[in-house]
Amino acid sequence: MLRWRQQLWLLLPALGLLTLVFLVPIAHYLWLSTQTQTVLTELRPVPAGAAQWIRLWNDSRFWQDAWQTLRFAGLSVTTEMVLGLAIALLLNEPLRGRSSLRMISLLPWALPTTVMALGWRWIFNDPYGPINLALGWIGVTPIPFLANPLITWVATVWADTWKTTPFVALLLLAGLQNIPRDLYEAAQLEGASPWQSLRHITIPLLTPYLLIALVFRLAQALGVFDLVQVLTGGGPAGSTESLALYAYLNAMRFLDFGYSATVMLGAFAGLLVLCGALATLWWWSSGRQDLAGGER
């Protein structure tokens, strides 16, 4: 085995790359969050101490967007986990044309988010989208998908779920294929029902994969930007505005770069806490499974 110093030397290129693309921007944002840099300062940083953080704490729009982002991530990720598990279980069965089904199921995930959002924006259009055109043909009043705050929020969640459920299904399918078929055959001989096999075999052995999918999707959903920007622009009346979009607006529309960095750091801190807790849970569940395997 390689000594720890040799292992460290082998890791240095990866650590250097992570420092360059991750730690350096974070450090710059931390510095920028203590500055005031707007058109009023001629875009030159002016030391501001903790003023930006105090402003963030008292910013009702920031907390509103934080709640909206959490609510969006909670509903979309939960739906994706349930649908992804169902699709993975279906694609894991020995069906005719299974390879074609797997390829077709991945098409939504393969589409660029901007293209997908433009497509759903056309589908939800009032009154010329295909849904409202079909409703008009049968005499039903068109639905204001992108004009009513609640309906628009639901439509945004649906678009995100349609886009990213195949990603969850792909991860869970990989986990299902690592579960020995002998376990199911033994459970069937013991008289276990499909539901009992799912509950006592599939879910426990799939838990690490479920947590990996949950961490990835939660990180992506809490940082949602392009979907909201293209589909709704944060409207109507800011009802779908995310934290990432709020930071973007501060930087690119209001040219308030110092406060934009503070908003991003506030969102990043919350994301780090949530994903860190889930990663710890994944590590703990993996350790328990390894221990159980060793005892057997």
C-alpha atoms as a PDB file:
ATOM      1  CA  MET A   1       0.000   0.000   0.000  1.00  0.00           C
ATOM      2  CA  LEU A   2       1.075   3.546  -0.670  1.00  0.00           C
ATOM      3  CA  ARG A   3       2.216   5.578   2.292  1.00  0.00           C
ATOM      4  CA  TRP A   4       0.053   8.494   3.348  1.00  0.00           C
ATOM      5  CA  ARG A   5       2.560  11.022   1.966  1.00  0.00           C
ATOM      6  CA  GLN A   6       2.454   9.396  -1.453  1.00  0.00           C
ATOM      7  CA  GLN A   7      -1.335   9.341  -1.296  1.00  0.00           C
ATOM      8  CA  LEU A   8      -1.311  13.052  -0.410  1.00  0.00           C
ATOM      9  CA  TRP A   9       0.910  13.856  -3.407  1.00  0.00           C
ATOM     10  CA  LEU A  10      -1.505  11.973  -5.666  1.00  0.00           C
ATOM     11  CA  LEU A  11      -4.402  13.996  -4.257  1.00  0.00           C
ATOM     12  CA  LEU A  12      -2.702  17.371  -4.680  1.00  0.00           C
ATOM     13  CA  PRO A  13      -3.850  17.984  -8.308  1.00  0.00           C
ATOM     14  CA  ALA A  14      -7.483  17.371  -7.345  1.00  0.00           C
ATOM     15  CA  LEU A  15      -7.139  19.516  -4.205  1.00  0.00           C
ATOM     16  CA  GLY A  16      -5.568  22.301  -6.244  1.00  0.00           C
ATOM     17  CA  LEU A  17      -8.404  22.211  -8.753  1.00  0.00           C
ATOM     18  CA  LEU A  18     -11.018  22.294  -5.977  1.00  0.00           C
ATOM     19  CA  THR A  19      -9.257  25.256  -4.399  1.00  0.00           C
ATOM     20  CA  LEU A  20      -9.180  27.098  -7.703  1.00  0.00           C
ATOM     21  CA  VAL A  21     -12.824  26.565  -8.709  1.00  0.00           C
ATOM     22  CA  PHE A  22     -14.454  26.487  -5.264  1.00  0.00           C
ATOM     23  CA  LEU A  23     -12.520  28.000  -2.373  1.00  0.00           C
ATOM     24  CA  VAL A  24     -11.153  31.022  -4.236  1.00  0.00           C
ATOM     25  CA  PRO A  25     -14.615  32.257  -5.387  1.00  0.00           C
ATOM     26  CA  ILE A  26     -16.021  31.648  -1.880  1.00  0.00           C
ATOM     27  CA  ALA A  27     -13.178  33.661  -0.357  1.00  0.00           C
ATOM     28  CA  HIS A  28     -13.802  36.465  -2.859  1.00  0.00           C
ATOM     29  CA  TYR A  29     -17.519  36.449  -2.011  1.00  0.00           C
ATOM     30  CA  LEU A  30     -16.693  36.623   1.710  1.00  0.00           C
ATOM     31  CA  TRP A  31     -14.546  39.666   1.092  1.00  0.00           C
ATOM     32  CA  LEU A  32     -17.142  41.236  -1.197  1.00  0.00           C
ATOM     33  CA  SER A  33     -19.867  40.741   1.441  1.00  0.00           C
ATOM     34  CA  THR A  34     -17.973  43.192   3.677  1.00  0.00           C
ATOM     35  CA  GLN A  35     -17.876  45.829   0.934  1.00  0.00           C
ATOM     36  CA  THR A  36     -20.339  48.195  -0.716  1.00  0.00           C
ATOM     37  CA  GLN A  37     -19.939  48.027  -4.482  1.00  0.00           C
ATOM     38  CA  THR A  38     -22.698  49.683  -6.496  1.00  0.00           C
ATOM     39  CA  VAL A  39     -23.107  52.350  -9.156  1.00  0.00           C
ATOM     40  CA  LEU A  40     -23.227  54.865  -6.285  1.00  0.00           C
ATOM     41  CA  THR A  41     -19.626  53.973  -5.444  1.00  0.00           C
ATOM     42  CA  GLU A  42     -18.684  53.983  -9.129  1.00  0.00           C
ATOM     43  CA  LEU A  43     -18.394  50.177  -8.852  1.00  0.00           C
ATOM     44  CA  ARG A  44     -15.368  50.530  -6.568  1.00  0.00           C
ATOM     45  CA  PRO A  45     -15.465  48.446  -3.350  1.00  0.00           C
ATOM     46  CA  VAL A  46     -15.947  50.530  -0.222  1.00  0.00           C
ATOM     47  CA  PRO A  47     -15.486  48.842   3.205  1.00  0.00           C
ATOM     48  CA  ALA A  48     -18.844  48.316   4.897  1.00  0.00           C
ATOM     49  CA  GLY A  49     -18.081  45.964   7.790  1.00  0.00           C
ATOM     50  CA  ALA A  50     -21.123  43.910   8.781  1.00  0.00           C
ATOM     51  CA  ALA A  51     -23.613  46.310   7.179  1.00  0.00           C
ATOM     52  CA  GLN A  52     -24.444  43.925   4.336  1.00  0.00           C
ATOM     53  CA  TRP A  53     -25.149  41.073   6.762  1.00  0.00           C
ATOM     54  CA  ILE A  54     -27.356  43.290   8.916  1.00  0.00           C
ATOM     55  CA  ARG A  55     -29.191  44.327   5.771  1.00  0.00           C
ATOM     56  CA  LEU A  56     -29.623  40.666   4.828  1.00  0.00           C
ATOM     57  CA  TRP A  57     -31.026  39.795   8.251  1.00  0.00           C
ATOM     58  CA  ASN A  58     -33.606  42.586   7.963  1.00  0.00           C
ATOM     59  CA  ASP A  59     -34.454  41.931   4.299  1.00  0.00           C
ATOM     60  CA  SER A  60     -38.017  40.567   4.164  1.00  0.00           C
ATOM     61  CA  ARG A  61     -37.646  39.775   0.464  1.00  0.00           C
ATOM     62  CA  PHE A  62     -34.647  37.540   1.207  1.00  0.00           C
ATOM     63  CA  TRP A  63     -36.620  35.551   3.798  1.00  0.00           C
ATOM     64  CA  GLN A  64     -39.629  35.351   1.491  1.00  0.00           C
ATOM     65  CA  ASP A  65     -37.453  33.980  -1.310  1.00  0.00           C
ATOM     66  CA  ALA A  66     -35.753  31.597   1.141  1.00  0.00           C
ATOM     67  CA  TRP A  67     -39.136  30.182   2.145  1.00  0.00           C
ATOM     68  CA  GLN A  68     -40.236  29.924  -1.487  1.00  0.00           C
ATOM     69  CA  THR A  69     -36.993  28.154  -2.422  1.00  0.00           C
ATOM     70  CA  LEU A  70     -37.333  25.696   0.473  1.00  0.00           C
ATOM     71  CA  ARG A  71     -40.961  25.030  -0.382  1.00  0.00           C
ATOM     72  CA  PHE A  72     -40.124  24.505  -4.047  1.00  0.00           C
ATOM     73  CA  ALA A  73     -37.229  22.179  -3.241  1.00  0.00           C
ATOM     74  CA  GLY A  74     -39.242  20.234  -0.673  1.00  0.00           C
ATOM     75  CA  LEU A  75     -42.187  19.468  -2.951  1.00  0.00           C
ATOM     76  CA  SER A  76     -40.221  18.902  -6.166  1.00  0.00           C
ATOM     77  CA  VAL A  77     -37.548  16.673  -4.598  1.00  0.00           C
ATOM     78  CA  THR A  78     -40.100  14.635  -2.646  1.00  0.00           C
ATOM     79  CA  THR A  79     -42.144  14.057  -5.798  1.00  0.00           C
ATOM     80  CA  GLU A  80     -39.026  13.176  -7.783  1.00  0.00           C
ATOM     81  CA  MET A  81     -37.902  10.645  -5.178  1.00  0.00           C
ATOM     82  CA  VAL A  82     -41.272   8.861  -5.217  1.00  0.00           C
ATOM     83  CA  LEU A  83     -41.651   8.893  -9.001  1.00  0.00           C
ATOM     84  CA  GLY A  84     -37.966   8.057  -9.518  1.00  0.00           C
ATOM     85  CA  LEU A  85     -38.252   4.993  -7.285  1.00  0.00           C
ATOM     86  CA  ALA A  86     -41.384   3.842  -9.123  1.00  0.00           C
ATOM     87  CA  ILE A  87     -39.731   4.280 -12.530  1.00  0.00           C
ATOM     88  CA  ALA A  88     -36.533   2.549 -11.358  1.00  0.00           C
ATOM     89  CA  LEU A  89     -38.534  -0.436 -10.071  1.00  0.00           C
ATOM     90  CA  LEU A  90     -40.352  -0.641 -13.403  1.00  0.00           C
ATOM     91  CA  LEU A  91     -37.170  -0.398 -15.489  1.00  0.00           C
ATOM     92  CA  ASN A  92     -35.510  -3.043 -13.326  1.00  0.00           C
ATOM     93  CA  GLU A  93     -38.110  -5.641 -14.307  1.00  0.00           C
ATOM     94  CA  PRO A  94     -37.372  -8.021 -17.227  1.00  0.00           C
ATOM     95  CA  LEU A  95     -39.744  -6.346 -19.670  1.00  0.00           C
ATOM     96  CA  ARG A  96     -39.699  -6.499 -23.454  1.00  0.00           C
ATOM     97  CA  GLY A  97     -38.044  -3.429 -24.930  1.00  0.00           C
ATOM     98  CA  ARG A  98     -36.500  -2.509 -21.569  1.00  0.00           C
ATOM     99  CA  SER A  99     -33.464  -0.892 -23.188  1.00  0.00           C
ATOM    100  CA  SER A 100     -35.683   1.362 -25.315  1.00  0.00           C
ATOM    101  CA  LEU A 101     -37.760   2.314 -22.284  1.00  0.00           C
ATOM    102  CA  ARG A 102     -34.630   3.260 -20.367  1.00  0.00           C
ATOM    103  CA  MET A 103     -33.405   5.436 -23.222  1.00  0.00           C
ATOM    104  CA  ILE A 104     -36.773   7.181 -23.624  1.00  0.00           C
ATOM    105  CA  SER A 105     -37.079   7.800 -19.873  1.00  0.00           C
ATOM    106  CA  LEU A 106     -33.771   9.700 -19.892  1.00  0.00           C
ATOM    107  CA  LEU A 107     -34.776  12.140 -22.646  1.00  0.00           C
ATOM    108  CA  PRO A 108     -36.217  14.842 -20.309  1.00  0.00           C
ATOM    109  CA  TRP A 109     -33.024  14.860 -18.260  1.00  0.00           C
ATOM    110  CA  ALA A 110     -30.872  15.083 -21.406  1.00  0.00           C
ATOM    111  CA  LEU A 111     -32.602  18.264 -22.572  1.00  0.00           C
ATOM    112  CA  PRO A 112     -30.931  21.566 -21.604  1.00  0.00           C
ATOM    113  CA  THR A 113     -32.893  23.267 -18.829  1.00  0.00           C
ATOM    114  CA  THR A 114     -33.334  26.470 -20.845  1.00  0.00           C
ATOM    115  CA  VAL A 115     -34.801  24.576 -23.816  1.00  0.00           C
ATOM    116  CA  MET A 116     -37.088  22.602 -21.532  1.00  0.00           C
ATOM    117  CA  ALA A 117     -38.267  25.768 -19.733  1.00  0.00           C
ATOM    118  CA  LEU A 118     -39.029  27.479 -23.046  1.00  0.00           C
ATOM    119  CA  GLY A 119     -41.039  24.429 -24.092  1.00  0.00           C
ATOM    120  CA  TRP A 120     -43.122  24.450 -20.913  1.00  0.00           C
ATOM    121  CA  ARG A 121     -43.584  28.206 -21.191  1.00  0.00           C
ATOM    122  CA  TRP A 122     -45.171  27.642 -24.583  1.00  0.00           C
ATOM    123  CA  ILE A 123     -47.265  24.723 -23.290  1.00  0.00           C
ATOM    124  CA  PHE A 124     -48.562  26.840 -20.372  1.00  0.00           C
ATOM    125  CA  ASN A 125     -49.212  29.912 -22.519  1.00  0.00           C
ATOM    126  CA  ASP A 126     -52.624  31.568 -22.142  1.00  0.00           C
ATOM    127  CA  PRO A 127     -54.504  31.419 -24.485  1.00  0.00           C
ATOM    128  CA  TYR A 128     -52.300  29.945 -27.254  1.00  0.00           C
ATOM    129  CA  GLY A 129     -50.615  27.024 -25.463  1.00  0.00           C
ATOM    130  CA  PRO A 130     -51.761  23.513 -26.430  1.00  0.00           C
ATOM    131  CA  ILE A 131     -53.364  22.856 -23.015  1.00  0.00           C
ATOM    132  CA  ASN A 132     -55.542  25.972 -23.111  1.00  0.00           C
ATOM    133  CA  LEU A 133     -56.309  25.487 -26.810  1.00  0.00           C
ATOM    134  CA  ALA A 134     -57.606  21.991 -26.029  1.00  0.00           C
ATOM    135  CA  LEU A 135     -59.636  23.348 -23.097  1.00  0.00           C
ATOM    136  CA  GLY A 136     -61.108  26.016 -25.359  1.00  0.00           C
ATOM    137  CA  TRP A 137     -62.235  23.390 -27.885  1.00  0.00           C
ATOM    138  CA  ILE A 138     -64.333  21.669 -25.199  1.00  0.00           C
ATOM    139  CA  GLY A 139     -65.699  24.940 -23.827  1.00  0.00           C
ATOM    140  CA  VAL A 140     -63.569  25.151 -20.662  1.00  0.00           C
ATOM    141  CA  THR A 141     -62.191  28.512 -19.537  1.00  0.00           C
ATOM    142  CA  PRO A 142     -58.423  28.753 -20.141  1.00  0.00           C
ATOM    143  CA  ILE A 143     -56.256  28.282 -17.049  1.00  0.00           C
ATOM    144  CA  PRO A 144     -53.847  31.170 -16.248  1.00  0.00           C
ATOM    145  CA  PHE A 145     -50.846  28.927 -15.674  1.00  0.00           C
ATOM    146  CA  LEU A 146     -48.345  31.803 -15.637  1.00  0.00           C
ATOM    147  CA  ALA A 147     -50.569  34.567 -14.229  1.00  0.00           C
ATOM    148  CA  ASN A 148     -51.960  33.111 -10.989  1.00  0.00           C
ATOM    149  CA  PRO A 149     -49.319  32.913  -8.197  1.00  0.00           C
ATOM    150  CA  LEU A 150     -50.391  29.510  -6.847  1.00  0.00           C
ATOM    151  CA  ILE A 151     -50.929  27.894 -10.259  1.00  0.00           C
ATOM    152  CA  THR A 152     -47.634  29.333 -11.536  1.00  0.00           C
ATOM    153  CA  TRP A 153     -45.775  27.906  -8.544  1.00  0.00           C
ATOM    154  CA  VAL A 154     -47.311  24.473  -9.105  1.00  0.00           C
ATOM    155  CA  ALA A 155     -46.462  24.671 -12.825  1.00  0.00           C
ATOM    156  CA  THR A 156     -42.832  25.484 -11.951  1.00  0.00           C
ATOM    157  CA  VAL A 157     -42.645  22.487  -9.601  1.00  0.00           C
ATOM    158  CA  TRP A 158     -44.148  20.277 -12.294  1.00  0.00           C
ATOM    159  CA  ALA A 159     -41.637  21.420 -14.922  1.00  0.00           C
ATOM    160  CA  ASP A 160     -38.724  20.752 -12.562  1.00  0.00           C
ATOM    161  CA  THR A 161     -40.129  17.333 -11.610  1.00  0.00           C
ATOM    162  CA  TRP A 162     -40.558  16.350 -15.265  1.00  0.00           C
ATOM    163  CA  LYS A 163     -36.993  17.416 -16.025  1.00  0.00           C
ATOM    164  CA  THR A 164     -35.093  15.771 -13.174  1.00  0.00           C
ATOM    165  CA  THR A 165     -37.065  12.654 -12.184  1.00  0.00           C
ATOM    166  CA  PRO A 166     -35.087  10.560 -14.752  1.00  0.00           C
ATOM    167  CA  PHE A 167     -31.860  11.520 -12.956  1.00  0.00           C
ATOM    168  CA  VAL A 168     -33.207  10.111  -9.684  1.00  0.00           C
ATOM    169  CA  ALA A 169     -34.496   7.012 -11.477  1.00  0.00           C
ATOM    170  CA  LEU A 170     -31.060   6.416 -13.035  1.00  0.00           C
ATOM    171  CA  LEU A 171     -29.292   6.538  -9.669  1.00  0.00           C
ATOM    172  CA  LEU A 172     -31.844   4.261  -8.017  1.00  0.00           C
ATOM    173  CA  LEU A 173     -31.755   1.832 -10.934  1.00  0.00           C
ATOM    174  CA  ALA A 174     -28.007   1.464 -10.404  1.00  0.00           C
ATOM    175  CA  GLY A 175     -28.704   0.635  -6.767  1.00  0.00           C
ATOM    176  CA  LEU A 176     -31.409  -1.883  -7.621  1.00  0.00           C
ATOM    177  CA  GLN A 177     -29.079  -3.754  -9.938  1.00  0.00           C
ATOM    178  CA  ASN A 178     -26.631  -4.221  -7.058  1.00  0.00           C
ATOM    179  CA  ILE A 179     -29.217  -6.024  -4.906  1.00  0.00           C
ATOM    180  CA  PRO A 180     -28.807  -9.827  -5.257  1.00  0.00           C
ATOM    181  CA  ARG A 181     -31.829 -11.540  -6.781  1.00  0.00           C
ATOM    182  CA  ASP A 182     -31.308 -14.421  -4.345  1.00  0.00           C
ATOM    183  CA  LEU A 183     -32.721 -12.284  -1.553  1.00  0.00           C
ATOM    184  CA  TYR A 184     -36.017 -11.850  -3.380  1.00  0.00           C
ATOM    185  CA  GLU A 185     -36.199 -15.544  -4.266  1.00  0.00           C
ATOM    186  CA  ALA A 186     -35.595 -16.517  -0.643  1.00  0.00           C
ATOM    187  CA  ALA A 187     -38.245 -14.057   0.542  1.00  0.00           C
ATOM    188  CA  GLN A 188     -40.701 -15.433  -2.017  1.00  0.00           C
ATOM    189  CA  LEU A 189     -40.083 -18.983  -0.781  1.00  0.00           C
ATOM    190  CA  GLU A 190     -40.831 -17.769   2.739  1.00  0.00           C
ATOM    191  CA  GLY A 191     -44.176 -16.418   1.529  1.00  0.00           C
ATOM    192  CA  ALA A 192     -43.310 -12.701   1.505  1.00  0.00           C
ATOM    193  CA  SER A 193     -45.546 -10.464  -0.591  1.00  0.00           C
ATOM    194  CA  PRO A 194     -44.099  -7.959  -3.104  1.00  0.00           C
ATOM    195  CA  TRP A 195     -44.866  -5.146  -0.660  1.00  0.00           C
ATOM    196  CA  GLN A 196     -43.008  -6.944   2.149  1.00  0.00           C
ATOM    197  CA  SER A 197     -40.011  -7.531  -0.134  1.00  0.00           C
ATOM    198  CA  LEU A 198     -40.019  -3.843  -1.057  1.00  0.00           C
ATOM    199  CA  ARG A 199     -40.238  -2.770   2.573  1.00  0.00           C
ATOM    200  CA  HIS A 200     -37.747  -5.193   4.131  1.00  0.00           C
ATOM    201  CA  ILE A 201     -35.258  -5.795   1.287  1.00  0.00           C
ATOM    202  CA  THR A 202     -35.373  -3.104  -1.385  1.00  0.00           C
ATOM    203  CA  ILE A 203     -35.739   0.045   0.710  1.00  0.00           C
ATOM    204  CA  PRO A 204     -33.093  -0.828   3.371  1.00  0.00           C
ATOM    205  CA  LEU A 205     -30.493  -1.863   0.774  1.00  0.00           C
ATOM    206  CA  LEU A 206     -31.350   1.118  -1.427  1.00  0.00           C
ATOM    207  CA  THR A 207     -31.065   3.678   1.377  1.00  0.00           C
ATOM    208  CA  PRO A 208     -27.510   4.881   0.494  1.00  0.00           C
ATOM    209  CA  TYR A 209     -28.570   5.449  -3.124  1.00  0.00           C
ATOM    210  CA  LEU A 210     -31.719   7.241  -1.991  1.00  0.00           C
ATOM    211  CA  LEU A 211     -29.659   9.571   0.182  1.00  0.00           C
ATOM    212  CA  ILE A 212     -27.144  10.254  -2.615  1.00  0.00           C
ATOM    213  CA  ALA A 213     -29.991  11.135  -4.986  1.00  0.00           C
ATOM    214  CA  LEU A 214     -31.581  13.264  -2.269  1.00  0.00           C
ATOM    215  CA  VAL A 215     -28.374  15.232  -1.619  1.00  0.00           C
ATOM    216  CA  PHE A 216     -27.742  15.861  -5.322  1.00  0.00           C
ATOM    217  CA  ARG A 217     -31.300  16.899  -6.082  1.00  0.00           C
ATOM    218  CA  LEU A 218     -31.696  19.022  -2.970  1.00  0.00           C
ATOM    219  CA  ALA A 219     -28.517  20.934  -3.793  1.00  0.00           C
ATOM    220  CA  GLN A 220     -29.730  21.527  -7.351  1.00  0.00           C
ATOM    221  CA  ALA A 221     -33.280  22.475  -6.335  1.00  0.00           C
ATOM    222  CA  LEU A 222     -32.153  24.930  -3.652  1.00  0.00           C
ATOM    223  CA  GLY A 223     -29.930  26.614  -6.248  1.00  0.00           C
ATOM    224  CA  VAL A 224     -32.569  26.706  -8.979  1.00  0.00           C
ATOM    225  CA  PHE A 225     -32.097  29.653 -11.316  1.00  0.00           C
ATOM    226  CA  ASP A 226     -32.354  28.969 -15.052  1.00  0.00           C
ATOM    227  CA  LEU A 227     -35.742  27.208 -14.863  1.00  0.00           C
ATOM    228  CA  VAL A 228     -37.347  30.065 -12.903  1.00  0.00           C
ATOM    229  CA  GLN A 229     -35.647  32.783 -14.940  1.00  0.00           C
ATOM    230  CA  VAL A 230     -36.833  31.402 -18.294  1.00  0.00           C
ATOM    231  CA  LEU A 231     -40.237  30.020 -17.277  1.00  0.00           C
ATOM    232  CA  THR A 232     -41.619  32.759 -14.997  1.00  0.00           C
ATOM    233  CA  GLY A 233     -38.923  35.399 -14.476  1.00  0.00           C
ATOM    234  CA  GLY A 234     -39.727  35.106 -10.755  1.00  0.00           C
ATOM    235  CA  GLY A 235     -43.326  36.252 -11.235  1.00  0.00           C
ATOM    236  CA  PRO A 236     -46.125  36.841 -10.928  1.00  0.00           C
ATOM    237  CA  ALA A 237     -45.453  39.353  -8.145  1.00  0.00           C
ATOM    238  CA  GLY A 238     -42.305  37.513  -7.066  1.00  0.00           C
ATOM    239  CA  SER A 239     -44.247  34.369  -6.146  1.00  0.00           C
ATOM    240  CA  THR A 240     -41.706  32.028  -7.796  1.00  0.00           C
ATOM    241  CA  GLU A 241     -38.534  34.038  -7.195  1.00  0.00           C
ATOM    242  CA  SER A 242     -35.662  31.909  -5.846  1.00  0.00           C
ATOM    243  CA  LEU A 243     -32.638  32.980  -3.827  1.00  0.00           C
ATOM    244  CA  ALA A 244     -30.349  32.447  -6.812  1.00  0.00           C
ATOM    245  CA  LEU A 245     -32.566  34.671  -8.962  1.00  0.00           C
ATOM    246  CA  TYR A 246     -32.678  37.317  -6.225  1.00  0.00           C
ATOM    247  CA  ALA A 247     -28.871  37.362  -6.070  1.00  0.00           C
ATOM    248  CA  TYR A 248     -28.725  37.599  -9.871  1.00  0.00           C
ATOM    249  CA  LEU A 249     -31.143  40.541  -9.917  1.00  0.00           C
ATOM    250  CA  ASN A 250     -29.111  42.400  -7.300  1.00  0.00           C
ATOM    251  CA  ALA A 251     -25.936  41.923  -9.299  1.00  0.00           C
ATOM    252  CA  MET A 252     -27.092  42.338 -12.898  1.00  0.00           C
ATOM    253  CA  ARG A 253     -30.142  44.584 -12.635  1.00  0.00           C
ATOM    254  CA  PHE A 254     -29.329  46.764  -9.609  1.00  0.00           C
ATOM    255  CA  LEU A 255     -25.509  46.440  -9.924  1.00  0.00           C
ATOM    256  CA  ASP A 256     -25.286  45.869  -6.152  1.00  0.00           C
ATOM    257  CA  PHE A 257     -22.466  43.344  -6.204  1.00  0.00           C
ATOM    258  CA  GLY A 258     -21.686  43.447  -2.490  1.00  0.00           C
ATOM    259  CA  TYR A 259     -25.217  42.594  -1.430  1.00  0.00           C
ATOM    260  CA  SER A 260     -25.562  39.991  -4.190  1.00  0.00           C
ATOM    261  CA  ALA A 261     -22.518  38.186  -2.759  1.00  0.00           C
ATOM    262  CA  THR A 262     -24.059  38.353   0.710  1.00  0.00           C
ATOM    263  CA  VAL A 263     -27.311  36.818  -0.538  1.00  0.00           C
ATOM    264  CA  MET A 264     -25.415  33.999  -2.228  1.00  0.00           C
ATOM    265  CA  LEU A 265     -23.374  33.304   0.899  1.00  0.00           C
ATOM    266  CA  GLY A 266     -26.514  33.234   3.028  1.00  0.00           C
ATOM    267  CA  ALA A 267     -28.105  30.737   0.647  1.00  0.00           C
ATOM    268  CA  PHE A 268     -24.873  28.728   0.505  1.00  0.00           C
ATOM    269  CA  ALA A 269     -24.707  28.493   4.311  1.00  0.00           C
ATOM    270  CA  GLY A 270     -28.228  27.067   4.473  1.00  0.00           C
ATOM    271  CA  LEU A 271     -27.488  24.643   1.639  1.00  0.00           C
ATOM    272  CA  LEU A 272     -24.287  23.512   3.354  1.00  0.00           C
ATOM    273  CA  VAL A 273     -26.127  22.748   6.587  1.00  0.00           C
ATOM    274  CA  LEU A 274     -28.893  20.745   4.879  1.00  0.00           C
ATOM    275  CA  CYS A 275     -26.637  18.773   2.545  1.00  0.00           C
ATOM    276  CA  GLY A 276     -24.101  18.207   5.325  1.00  0.00           C
ATOM    277  CA  ALA A 277     -26.807  16.690   7.508  1.00  0.00           C
ATOM    278  CA  LEU A 278     -27.950  14.423   4.672  1.00  0.00           C
ATOM    279  CA  ALA A 279     -24.371  13.407   3.850  1.00  0.00           C
ATOM    280  CA  THR A 280     -23.822  12.514   7.514  1.00  0.00           C
ATOM    281  CA  LEU A 281     -26.995  10.452   7.449  1.00  0.00           C
ATOM    282  CA  TRP A 282     -25.782   8.671   4.299  1.00  0.00           C
ATOM    283  CA  TRP A 283     -22.409   7.922   5.901  1.00  0.00           C
ATOM    284  CA  TRP A 284     -24.109   6.601   9.024  1.00  0.00           C
ATOM    285  CA  SER A 285     -26.504   4.367   7.058  1.00  0.00           C
ATOM    286  CA  SER A 286     -23.650   3.039   4.882  1.00  0.00           C
ATOM    287  CA  GLY A 287     -21.623   2.239   7.986  1.00  0.00           C
ATOM    288  CA  ARG A 288     -24.516   0.374   9.537  1.00  0.00           C
ATOM    289  CA  GLN A 289     -25.024  -1.660   6.366  1.00  0.00           C
ATOM    290  CA  ASP A 290     -21.319  -2.530   6.234  1.00  0.00           C
ATOM    291  CA  LEU A 291     -21.431  -3.568   9.881  1.00  0.00           C
ATOM    292  CA  ALA A 292     -24.511  -5.703   9.282  1.00  0.00           C
ATOM    293  CA  GLY A 293     -22.822  -7.297   6.284  1.00  0.00           C
ATOM    294  CA  GLY A 294     -19.735  -8.054   8.368  1.00  0.00           C
ATOM    295  CA  GLU A 295     -21.823  -9.676  11.096  1.00  0.00           C
ATOM    296  CA  ARG A 296     -23.453 -11.959   8.588  1.00  0.00           C
END
